[in-house]
């Protein structure tokens, strides 16, 4: 990673970013060698990324041909523009965010316990309530969908929080974000003040 000051290395922090996201982007290698990127619902469960999909389609064709994939999530926090500091040049404006990139191999899950467990983990993650109707192995939907696990081979994460700036600059931006109070500003301000 080029910007080491932004790197997140603690596994709990990386898992937290992954668990907060509901949609990620999966990159596969297309038949003609071009990357194919698709957004999808997912869950990070038991150290892997799981998603469900149709049994056929470009994504599945690509995975069957070459299981090497890249998976990415990001959480945009706050955009810090010239209204925060009129002395900023256009190339100095900044987006604060968290992100994770996973490289691994995609594998269609055939084992029914893992498949149903992943589907229930996906439901629990997206429903965000304990009383959702659990998926059972004998349900018709289980048979007609594919569940794919991205087995992690490498994982990198970063949080861009003005790490190169002075404490004074960070406090100034945090104060601005607290007053502006757009979505993501409160979290960004709190992180800048740490």
Protein backbone atom coordinates (compact mmCIF):
# COMPACT_ATOMS: atom_id res chain seq x y z
CA UNK A 1 0.00 0.00 0.00
CA UNK A 2 1.46 3.30 -1.10
CA UNK A 3 -0.15 5.48 1.60
CA UNK A 4 0.94 3.48 4.64
CA UNK A 5 -0.30 6.15 7.06
CA UNK A 6 -3.87 5.28 5.99
CA UNK A 7 -3.47 1.51 6.29
CA UNK A 8 -5.77 -0.40 8.64
CA UNK A 9 -4.14 -3.59 9.87
CA UNK A 10 -6.21 -4.69 12.85
CA UNK A 11 -8.52 -7.53 11.84
CA UNK A 12 -11.37 -6.29 14.08
CA UNK A 13 -11.36 -2.90 12.36
CA UNK A 14 -11.31 -4.54 8.92
CA UNK A 15 -14.20 -6.83 9.89
CA UNK A 16 -16.12 -3.81 11.22
CA UNK A 17 -15.84 -2.04 7.86
CA UNK A 18 -16.98 -5.17 6.02
CA UNK A 19 -19.88 -5.71 8.43
CA UNK A 20 -21.13 -2.15 8.03
CA UNK A 21 -21.41 -2.44 4.26
CA UNK A 22 -24.41 -4.03 2.57
CA UNK A 23 -23.25 -3.72 -1.04
CA UNK A 24 -19.80 -4.53 -2.37
CA UNK A 25 -18.26 -4.76 -5.81
CA UNK A 26 -16.97 -8.03 -7.22
CA UNK A 27 -14.45 -7.99 -10.06
CA UNK A 28 -14.06 -11.10 -12.19
CA UNK A 29 -12.00 -11.68 -15.31
CA UNK A 30 -14.13 -11.68 -18.44
CA UNK A 31 -13.85 -14.07 -21.34
CA UNK A 32 -11.93 -11.52 -23.41
CA UNK A 33 -9.63 -10.58 -20.54
CA UNK A 34 -11.43 -7.41 -19.48
CA UNK A 35 -12.41 -6.92 -15.83
CA UNK A 36 -16.12 -7.30 -15.13
CA UNK A 37 -17.31 -5.49 -12.01
CA UNK A 38 -20.73 -5.99 -10.49
CA UNK A 39 -22.29 -4.58 -7.31
CA UNK A 40 -23.91 -7.18 -5.08
CA UNK A 41 -25.39 -7.79 -1.66
CA UNK A 42 -23.01 -9.77 0.53
CA UNK A 43 -22.16 -10.81 4.05
CA UNK A 44 -18.73 -11.19 5.64
CA UNK A 45 -19.13 -14.39 7.62
CA UNK A 46 -16.63 -16.85 9.09
CA UNK A 47 -13.71 -15.09 7.40
CA UNK A 48 -15.12 -15.13 3.86
CA UNK A 49 -17.38 -13.01 1.69
CA UNK A 50 -20.62 -14.75 0.71
CA UNK A 51 -23.24 -13.75 -1.82
CA UNK A 52 -26.11 -15.47 -3.58
CA UNK A 53 -26.98 -15.27 -7.25
CA UNK A 54 -28.49 -17.06 -10.20
CA UNK A 55 -26.76 -20.23 -11.33
CA UNK A 56 -26.08 -18.77 -14.79
CA UNK A 57 -24.85 -15.45 -16.07
CA UNK A 58 -21.68 -13.57 -16.94
CA UNK A 59 -20.43 -13.42 -13.33
CA UNK A 60 -20.82 -17.18 -12.86
CA UNK A 61 -19.31 -17.92 -16.28
CA UNK A 62 -16.28 -15.83 -15.34
CA UNK A 63 -15.91 -17.50 -11.93
CA UNK A 64 -16.11 -20.97 -13.46
CA UNK A 65 -13.50 -20.06 -16.06
CA UNK A 66 -11.15 -18.31 -13.60
CA UNK A 67 -11.97 -18.21 -9.87
CA UNK A 68 -9.53 -15.35 -9.11
CA UNK A 69 -11.55 -12.33 -8.02
CA UNK A 70 -11.22 -8.99 -6.31
CA UNK A 71 -13.87 -7.68 -3.93
CA UNK A 72 -14.15 -4.09 -2.71
CA UNK A 73 -16.26 -2.14 -0.23
CA UNK A 74 -16.07 1.47 0.86
CA UNK A 75 -17.77 3.77 3.31
CA UNK A 76 -17.65 7.40 2.19
CA UNK A 77 -17.63 9.64 5.25
CA UNK A 78 -17.26 13.32 4.38
CA UNK A 79 -16.14 15.45 1.51
CA UNK A 80 -13.90 18.30 2.59
CA UNK A 81 -14.08 20.99 -0.07
CA UNK A 82 -13.03 24.57 -0.50
CA UNK A 83 -15.94 25.80 1.65
CA UNK A 84 -14.01 24.41 4.64
CA UNK A 85 -10.86 26.30 3.69
CA UNK A 86 -10.93 28.80 0.85
CA UNK A 87 -7.14 28.57 0.52
CA UNK A 88 -7.37 24.98 -0.73
CA UNK A 89 -6.50 24.50 -4.35
CA UNK A 90 -8.88 22.30 -6.37
CA UNK A 91 -6.42 19.38 -6.18
CA UNK A 92 -6.36 19.66 -2.36
CA UNK A 93 -10.02 18.93 -1.71
CA UNK A 94 -10.49 15.60 0.01
CA UNK A 95 -12.86 12.68 0.53
CA UNK A 96 -12.65 10.93 3.91
CA UNK A 97 -13.53 7.22 3.79
CA UNK A 98 -12.93 3.64 4.90
CA UNK A 99 -12.29 0.87 2.35
CA UNK A 100 -11.39 -2.81 2.11
CA UNK A 101 -10.01 -4.74 -0.87
CA UNK A 102 -9.98 -8.52 -0.87
CA UNK A 103 -8.22 -10.74 -3.35
CA UNK A 104 -9.19 -14.37 -3.35
CA UNK A 105 -10.81 -17.25 -5.12
CA UNK A 106 -14.55 -17.56 -5.64
CA UNK A 107 -16.04 -20.95 -4.98
CA UNK A 108 -19.62 -22.14 -5.43
CA UNK A 109 -20.73 -23.52 -2.07
CA UNK A 110 -22.18 -27.00 -2.50
CA UNK A 111 -22.20 -28.20 1.13
CA UNK A 112 -25.77 -27.57 2.35
CA UNK A 113 -24.93 -26.58 5.95
CA UNK A 114 -22.50 -23.89 4.80
CA UNK A 115 -24.89 -22.75 2.04
CA UNK A 116 -27.86 -22.37 4.40
CA UNK A 117 -25.65 -20.82 7.10
CA UNK A 118 -24.37 -18.23 4.63
CA UNK A 119 -27.90 -17.45 3.42
CA UNK A 120 -29.08 -16.97 7.01
CA UNK A 121 -26.06 -14.81 7.81
CA UNK A 122 -26.90 -12.71 4.74
CA UNK A 123 -30.53 -12.39 5.89
CA UNK A 124 -29.49 -11.49 9.45
CA UNK A 125 -27.10 -8.85 8.15
CA UNK A 126 -29.63 -7.22 5.86
CA UNK A 127 -32.80 -7.65 7.93
CA UNK A 128 -31.14 -6.28 11.09
CA UNK A 129 -33.77 -7.84 13.33
CA UNK A 130 -33.67 -11.12 15.24
CA UNK A 131 -37.10 -12.39 14.21
CA UNK A 132 -36.55 -12.85 10.46
CA UNK A 133 -37.79 -16.12 8.95
CA UNK A 134 -34.77 -18.41 8.87
CA UNK A 135 -33.96 -20.20 5.67
CA UNK A 136 -34.28 -23.98 5.85
CA UNK A 137 -32.37 -26.52 3.71
CA UNK A 138 -35.56 -27.88 2.13
CA UNK A 139 -36.84 -24.52 0.87
CA UNK A 140 -37.24 -24.24 -2.90
CA UNK A 141 -35.15 -21.05 -3.05
CA UNK A 142 -32.13 -22.84 -1.60
CA UNK A 143 -32.12 -25.30 -4.48
CA UNK A 144 -32.49 -22.74 -7.26
CA UNK A 145 -29.88 -20.20 -6.14
CA UNK A 146 -26.13 -20.38 -6.02
CA UNK A 147 -24.15 -19.27 -3.00
CA UNK A 148 -20.61 -18.19 -3.69
CA UNK A 149 -17.84 -17.81 -1.12
CA UNK A 150 -14.86 -15.59 -1.79
CA UNK A 151 -12.06 -17.32 0.10
CA UNK A 152 -9.70 -14.57 1.22
CA UNK A 153 -6.10 -14.83 0.06
CA UNK A 154 -5.14 -11.24 0.86
CA UNK A 155 -6.93 -8.33 2.43
CA UNK A 156 -6.00 -4.67 2.66
CA UNK A 157 -7.89 -1.82 4.23
CA UNK A 158 -7.51 1.86 4.74
CA UNK A 159 -9.17 4.77 6.41
CA UNK A 160 -8.38 8.11 4.86
CA UNK A 161 -8.68 10.57 7.74
CA UNK A 162 -6.26 13.38 6.87
CA UNK A 163 -3.34 11.44 8.37
CA UNK A 164 -0.79 13.81 6.81
CA UNK A 165 -2.37 16.89 8.39
CA UNK A 166 -1.43 18.49 11.70
CA UNK A 167 -3.61 18.11 14.80
CA UNK A 168 -4.60 21.76 14.39
CA UNK A 169 -5.72 21.19 10.78
CA UNK A 170 -7.66 18.07 11.79
CA UNK A 171 -9.42 19.98 14.61
CA UNK A 172 -10.35 22.75 12.18
CA UNK A 173 -11.88 20.25 9.73
CA UNK A 174 -13.62 18.37 12.56
CA UNK A 175 -15.20 21.63 13.79
CA UNK A 176 -16.35 22.46 10.28
CA UNK A 177 -17.86 18.98 9.83
CA UNK A 178 -19.67 19.17 13.19
CA UNK A 179 -21.29 22.46 12.14
CA UNK A 180 -22.13 21.25 8.63
CA UNK A 181 -23.68 18.03 10.00
CA UNK A 182 -24.24 16.10 6.77
CA UNK A 183 -24.45 12.28 6.83
CA UNK A 184 -21.01 10.93 7.73
CA UNK A 185 -19.77 14.24 9.17
CA UNK A 186 -20.24 13.32 12.85
CA UNK A 187 -18.31 10.05 12.49
CA UNK A 188 -15.55 11.73 10.49
CA UNK A 189 -15.25 14.55 13.04
CA UNK A 190 -15.01 12.09 15.91
CA UNK A 191 -12.31 10.09 14.13
CA UNK A 192 -10.35 13.24 13.28
CA UNK A 193 -10.29 14.26 16.96
CA UNK A 194 -8.83 10.92 18.16
